Amino acid sequence: MTQWSAISRTVPSIHSLKNTKKLSSKDVAIVDPELAETMPVKLTANTGMDALTHAIEAYVSTVACDYTDPLALHAIKMIHNDLKKSYDGDKDARTSMHNAQCLAGMAFSNALLGIVHSMAHKTGAAFSGGHIVHGAANAMYLPKVIKYNSKDERAAARYAEIAKFISLPGSTTEELVDALIAEIKEMNKSLNISSCIKDYEGGIIDEKEFNDKLSEVAANAIGDACTGSNPRIPTQEEMEKLLLACYYDKEIDF
């Protein structure tokens, strides 16, 4: 659906986002919900949260515009309404999700993404214990990055708009941002997605290896193609703190 492809290699360990416009961009995309009817539940959960991340990051991107905002917002609303039902086997909801991921793809193809994806790209194949599946990584990192980005006034206002659009409670921007974070965490829980890297797939990412590679992974994430359109550009220290928060499920206060 988009001009981007996620490519993983084990030697050297790398998971990166590549612009494959010359190879993959077509004039027509066939969005057929029957293609997704037999997806297993874990794939349904991970790809659904990946699509939600696409839409949220596109909406708060520094290059979001009047043409991408409606696509992103409607995709968020559809995913919020239908992902859990699709996960539980509802075929009508599965059709809705198939359409929603397309809308989210159209949004981020033009508005770009942010550091949730930067971090997911650079942690995905970085560790010997196993691969951190892209959608699951996005799901785990999204609440942390929202809190980090909400220090930016424009980003906070946009997260609050998302919360209002899906009818979450809150009377202030801060309350609405926190409500959005809480809702995403609840969605992850309902989809059996771990809350942090340390618990992912029963603990396949070794703690010592994670900490040994922290500086390198953080630097790679800062250099990722998605970082430039994030509302805040993290320093090396901030990116390391973000990654540690995602590993240990720590609160973000910086």
Protein backbone atom coordinates (compact mmCIF):
# COMPACT_ATOMS: atom_id res chain seq x y z
CA MET A 1 0.00 0.00 0.00
CA THR A 2 2.93 2.35 0.70
CA GLN A 3 6.33 3.08 -0.83
CA TRP A 4 8.10 1.78 2.31
CA SER A 5 9.31 -1.72 3.17
CA ALA A 6 10.65 -3.13 6.44
CA ILE A 7 13.69 -5.29 5.74
CA SER A 8 15.39 -7.59 8.27
CA ARG A 9 18.75 -9.36 8.05
CA THR A 10 20.40 -11.52 10.69
CA VAL A 11 23.98 -10.97 9.45
CA PRO A 12 24.59 -8.22 10.30
CA SER A 13 21.63 -7.88 12.65
CA ILE A 14 19.54 -5.10 11.23
CA HIS A 15 15.91 -4.15 10.79
CA SER A 16 15.44 -1.04 8.72
CA LEU A 17 12.91 1.00 6.81
CA LYS A 18 13.70 1.45 3.13
CA ASN A 19 12.06 3.64 0.53
CA THR A 20 11.30 1.12 -2.21
CA LYS A 21 9.19 3.45 -4.34
CA LYS A 22 10.77 2.31 -7.60
CA LEU A 23 10.05 -1.33 -6.74
CA SER A 24 6.81 -1.32 -4.78
CA SER A 25 4.74 1.75 -5.64
CA LYS A 26 1.86 0.97 -7.98
CA ASP A 27 -0.95 2.94 -9.55
CA VAL A 28 -3.62 0.70 -8.01
CA ALA A 29 -3.87 -1.19 -4.71
CA ILE A 30 -6.41 -4.00 -4.31
CA VAL A 31 -7.62 -3.82 -0.72
CA ASP A 32 -9.45 -7.14 -0.44
CA PRO A 33 -10.55 -8.07 3.12
CA GLU A 34 -10.62 -11.76 2.20
CA LEU A 35 -6.82 -11.64 2.22
CA ALA A 36 -6.91 -11.06 5.99
CA GLU A 37 -9.69 -13.48 6.94
CA THR A 38 -7.39 -16.32 8.04
CA MET A 39 -4.79 -14.28 9.90
CA PRO A 40 -3.85 -15.88 13.25
CA VAL A 41 -4.69 -13.90 16.38
CA LYS A 42 -1.11 -12.85 17.20
CA LEU A 43 -0.59 -11.49 13.69
CA THR A 44 -3.96 -9.73 13.91
CA ALA A 45 -2.94 -8.06 17.16
CA ASN A 46 0.54 -7.03 16.05
CA THR A 47 -0.43 -5.70 12.63
CA GLY A 48 -3.41 -3.89 14.14
CA MET A 49 -1.27 -2.06 16.66
CA ASP A 50 1.24 -1.30 13.92
CA ALA A 51 -1.57 0.36 11.94
CA LEU A 52 -2.66 2.32 15.02
CA THR A 53 0.91 3.53 15.47
CA HIS A 54 1.04 4.55 11.80
CA ALA A 55 -2.06 6.68 12.24
CA ILE A 56 -1.10 8.27 15.57
CA GLU A 57 2.45 9.06 14.48
CA ALA A 58 1.18 10.50 11.18
CA TYR A 59 -1.25 12.76 13.06
CA VAL A 60 1.43 14.25 15.34
CA SER A 61 4.17 14.30 12.70
CA THR A 62 5.82 17.65 12.06
CA VAL A 63 4.79 17.39 8.40
CA ALA A 64 1.14 16.38 8.97
CA CYS A 65 -1.27 18.43 6.89
CA ASP A 66 -4.94 18.95 6.03
CA TYR A 67 -4.83 16.04 3.59
CA THR A 68 -3.34 13.49 6.00
CA ASP A 69 -5.15 14.45 9.21
CA PRO A 70 -8.61 13.11 8.21
CA LEU A 71 -7.11 9.81 7.08
CA ALA A 72 -5.17 9.40 10.32
CA LEU A 73 -8.06 10.33 12.62
CA HIS A 74 -10.58 8.08 10.92
CA ALA A 75 -8.12 5.18 10.90
CA ILE A 76 -7.55 5.67 14.65
CA LYS A 77 -11.29 5.63 15.31
CA MET A 78 -11.83 2.49 13.23
CA ILE A 79 -8.93 0.64 14.84
CA HIS A 80 -10.03 1.65 18.33
CA ASN A 81 -13.52 0.35 17.60
CA ASP A 82 -12.70 -2.82 15.70
CA LEU A 83 -9.25 -4.25 16.49
CA LYS A 84 -10.31 -6.23 19.56
CA LYS A 85 -13.41 -7.51 17.77
CA SER A 86 -11.26 -8.53 14.80
CA TYR A 87 -8.84 -10.25 17.20
CA ASP A 88 -11.80 -12.17 18.65
CA GLY A 89 -12.82 -13.42 15.21
CA ASP A 90 -15.49 -10.94 14.05
CA LYS A 91 -15.28 -10.99 10.22
CA ASP A 92 -17.00 -7.63 9.78
CA ALA A 93 -14.48 -6.08 12.15
CA ARG A 94 -11.68 -7.81 10.22
CA THR A 95 -12.95 -6.10 7.06
CA SER A 96 -13.03 -2.75 8.87
CA MET A 97 -9.47 -3.25 10.09
CA HIS A 98 -8.30 -4.06 6.58
CA ASN A 99 -9.72 -0.73 5.42
CA ALA A 100 -8.33 1.10 8.46
CA GLN A 101 -4.78 -0.09 7.87
CA CYS A 102 -5.03 1.22 4.30
CA LEU A 103 -6.16 4.65 5.52
CA ALA A 104 -3.32 4.68 8.06
CA GLY A 105 -0.88 3.74 5.31
CA MET A 106 -2.14 6.57 3.12
CA ALA A 107 -1.69 8.97 6.05
CA PHE A 108 1.87 8.03 6.95
CA SER A 109 3.01 7.72 3.34
CA ASN A 110 2.50 11.47 3.13
CA ALA A 111 2.92 12.66 6.73
CA LEU A 112 5.74 10.26 7.68
CA LEU A 113 6.23 8.69 11.12
CA GLY A 114 8.13 9.21 14.39
CA ILE A 115 10.45 7.62 16.91
CA VAL A 116 8.16 4.75 17.86
CA HIS A 117 9.07 3.38 14.46
CA SER A 118 12.69 4.50 14.75
CA MET A 119 13.04 2.45 17.93
CA ALA A 120 11.12 -0.53 16.54
CA HIS A 121 13.30 -0.59 13.41
CA LYS A 122 16.54 -0.60 15.36
CA THR A 123 15.57 -3.02 18.15
CA GLY A 124 13.77 -5.55 15.93
CA ALA A 125 16.74 -7.69 14.92
CA ALA A 126 19.40 -6.34 17.28
CA PHE A 127 19.48 -9.11 19.88
CA SER A 128 20.55 -12.74 19.78
CA GLY A 129 17.60 -14.05 21.81
CA GLY A 130 15.11 -13.51 19.01
CA HIS A 131 13.30 -11.02 16.85
CA ILE A 132 11.06 -8.36 18.39
CA VAL A 133 8.15 -8.44 15.97
CA HIS A 134 7.61 -4.99 14.48
CA GLY A 135 3.97 -4.52 15.47
CA ALA A 136 4.56 -5.74 19.00
CA ALA A 137 7.52 -3.38 19.35
CA ASN A 138 5.37 -0.46 18.23
CA ALA A 139 2.65 -1.44 20.67
CA MET A 140 5.08 -1.59 23.60
CA TYR A 141 6.88 1.64 22.75
CA LEU A 142 3.90 3.82 21.76
CA PRO A 143 2.71 4.73 25.30
CA LYS A 144 6.26 5.74 26.31
CA VAL A 145 6.81 7.89 23.23
CA ILE A 146 3.46 9.62 23.58
CA LYS A 147 4.42 10.68 27.11
CA TYR A 148 7.84 11.83 25.89
CA ASN A 149 6.44 13.75 22.94
CA SER A 150 3.73 15.38 25.05
CA LYS A 151 6.35 17.76 26.44
CA ASP A 152 5.96 19.45 23.05
CA GLU A 153 2.91 21.74 23.16
CA ARG A 154 1.72 21.03 19.62
CA ALA A 155 2.12 17.28 20.01
CA ALA A 156 0.26 17.30 23.34
CA ALA A 157 -2.63 19.20 21.76
CA ARG A 158 -2.78 16.71 18.90
CA TYR A 159 -2.76 13.70 21.24
CA ALA A 160 -5.59 15.39 23.16
CA GLU A 161 -7.52 15.77 19.90
CA ILE A 162 -7.13 12.04 19.26
CA ALA A 163 -8.41 11.26 22.76
CA LYS A 164 -11.46 13.47 22.24
CA PHE A 165 -12.12 11.94 18.83
CA ILE A 166 -12.41 8.45 20.33
CA SER A 167 -14.43 9.74 23.31
CA LEU A 168 -11.87 9.28 26.08
CA PRO A 169 -12.34 11.18 29.35
CA GLY A 170 -10.47 14.32 30.37
CA SER A 171 -11.01 18.03 30.74
CA THR A 172 -7.41 19.21 30.26
CA THR A 173 -4.77 18.42 27.67
CA GLU A 174 -2.71 16.51 30.22
CA GLU A 175 -5.71 14.43 31.31
CA LEU A 176 -6.58 13.61 27.72
CA VAL A 177 -3.00 12.61 26.88
CA ASP A 178 -2.86 10.36 29.94
CA ALA A 179 -6.24 8.86 28.98
CA LEU A 180 -4.90 8.03 25.52
CA ILE A 181 -1.83 6.38 27.00
CA ALA A 182 -3.99 4.37 29.40
CA GLU A 183 -6.29 3.29 26.57
CA ILE A 184 -3.40 2.05 24.45
CA LYS A 185 -2.02 0.10 27.39
CA GLU A 186 -5.46 -1.46 27.92
CA MET A 187 -5.67 -2.36 24.23
CA ASN A 188 -2.27 -4.07 24.45
CA LYS A 189 -3.39 -6.01 27.50
CA SER A 190 -6.60 -7.15 25.78
CA LEU A 191 -4.55 -8.32 22.78
CA ASN A 192 -2.02 -10.22 24.93
CA ILE A 193 0.86 -7.94 23.94
CA SER A 194 3.58 -7.54 26.57
CA SER A 195 3.96 -4.19 28.31
CA CYS A 196 7.77 -4.14 28.02
CA ILE A 197 10.73 -5.72 26.24
CA LYS A 198 11.87 -7.57 29.38
CA ASP A 199 8.63 -9.59 29.41
CA TYR A 200 8.34 -9.98 25.63
CA GLU A 201 7.77 -13.61 24.61
CA GLY A 202 8.63 -14.79 28.11
CA GLY A 203 11.87 -12.83 28.33
CA ILE A 204 13.80 -13.73 25.16
CA ILE A 205 15.75 -10.43 25.12
CA ASP A 206 18.62 -10.86 27.56
CA GLU A 207 18.98 -8.00 30.03
CA LYS A 208 22.78 -7.85 29.90
CA GLU A 209 22.87 -7.94 26.11
CA PHE A 210 20.23 -5.20 25.95
CA ASN A 211 22.25 -2.94 28.23
CA ASP A 212 25.52 -3.74 26.47
CA LYS A 213 24.03 -2.73 23.12
CA LEU A 214 22.01 0.22 24.45
CA SER A 215 24.31 2.99 23.26
CA GLU A 216 24.64 1.56 19.75
CA VAL A 217 20.93 0.86 19.36
CA ALA A 218 20.05 4.35 20.63
CA ALA A 219 22.41 5.98 18.14
CA ASN A 220 20.97 3.90 15.32
CA ALA A 221 17.43 4.87 16.33
CA ILE A 222 18.30 8.57 16.33
CA GLY A 223 19.69 8.13 12.81
CA ASP A 224 16.60 6.31 11.55
CA ALA A 225 14.61 7.85 8.68
CA CYS A 226 11.54 8.31 10.90
CA THR A 227 13.21 10.45 13.57
CA GLY A 228 13.25 13.69 11.58
CA SER A 229 9.45 14.07 11.57
CA ASN A 230 8.99 13.28 15.27
CA PRO A 231 7.70 16.19 17.40
CA ARG A 232 10.83 16.03 19.59
CA ILE A 233 14.31 15.04 18.42
CA PRO A 234 15.86 13.05 21.27
CA THR A 235 19.45 13.38 22.37
CA GLN A 236 21.56 10.26 22.79
CA GLU A 237 20.88 10.34 26.54
CA GLU A 238 17.12 10.73 26.04
CA MET A 239 16.95 7.90 23.51
CA GLU A 240 18.83 5.60 25.87
CA LYS A 241 16.41 6.53 28.66
CA LEU A 242 13.44 5.88 26.36
CA LEU A 243 14.78 2.45 25.43
CA LEU A 244 15.43 1.59 29.09
CA ALA A 245 11.88 2.67 29.93
CA CYS A 246 10.61 0.35 27.19
CA TYR A 247 12.71 -2.53 28.52
CA TYR A 248 11.81 -2.17 32.18
CA ASP A 249 8.36 -0.52 31.80
CA LYS A 250 9.48 2.66 33.56
CA GLU A 251 7.50 5.90 33.63
CA ILE A 252 8.63 8.77 31.39
CA ASP A 253 9.39 12.02 33.25
CA PHE A 254 11.73 13.81 30.83
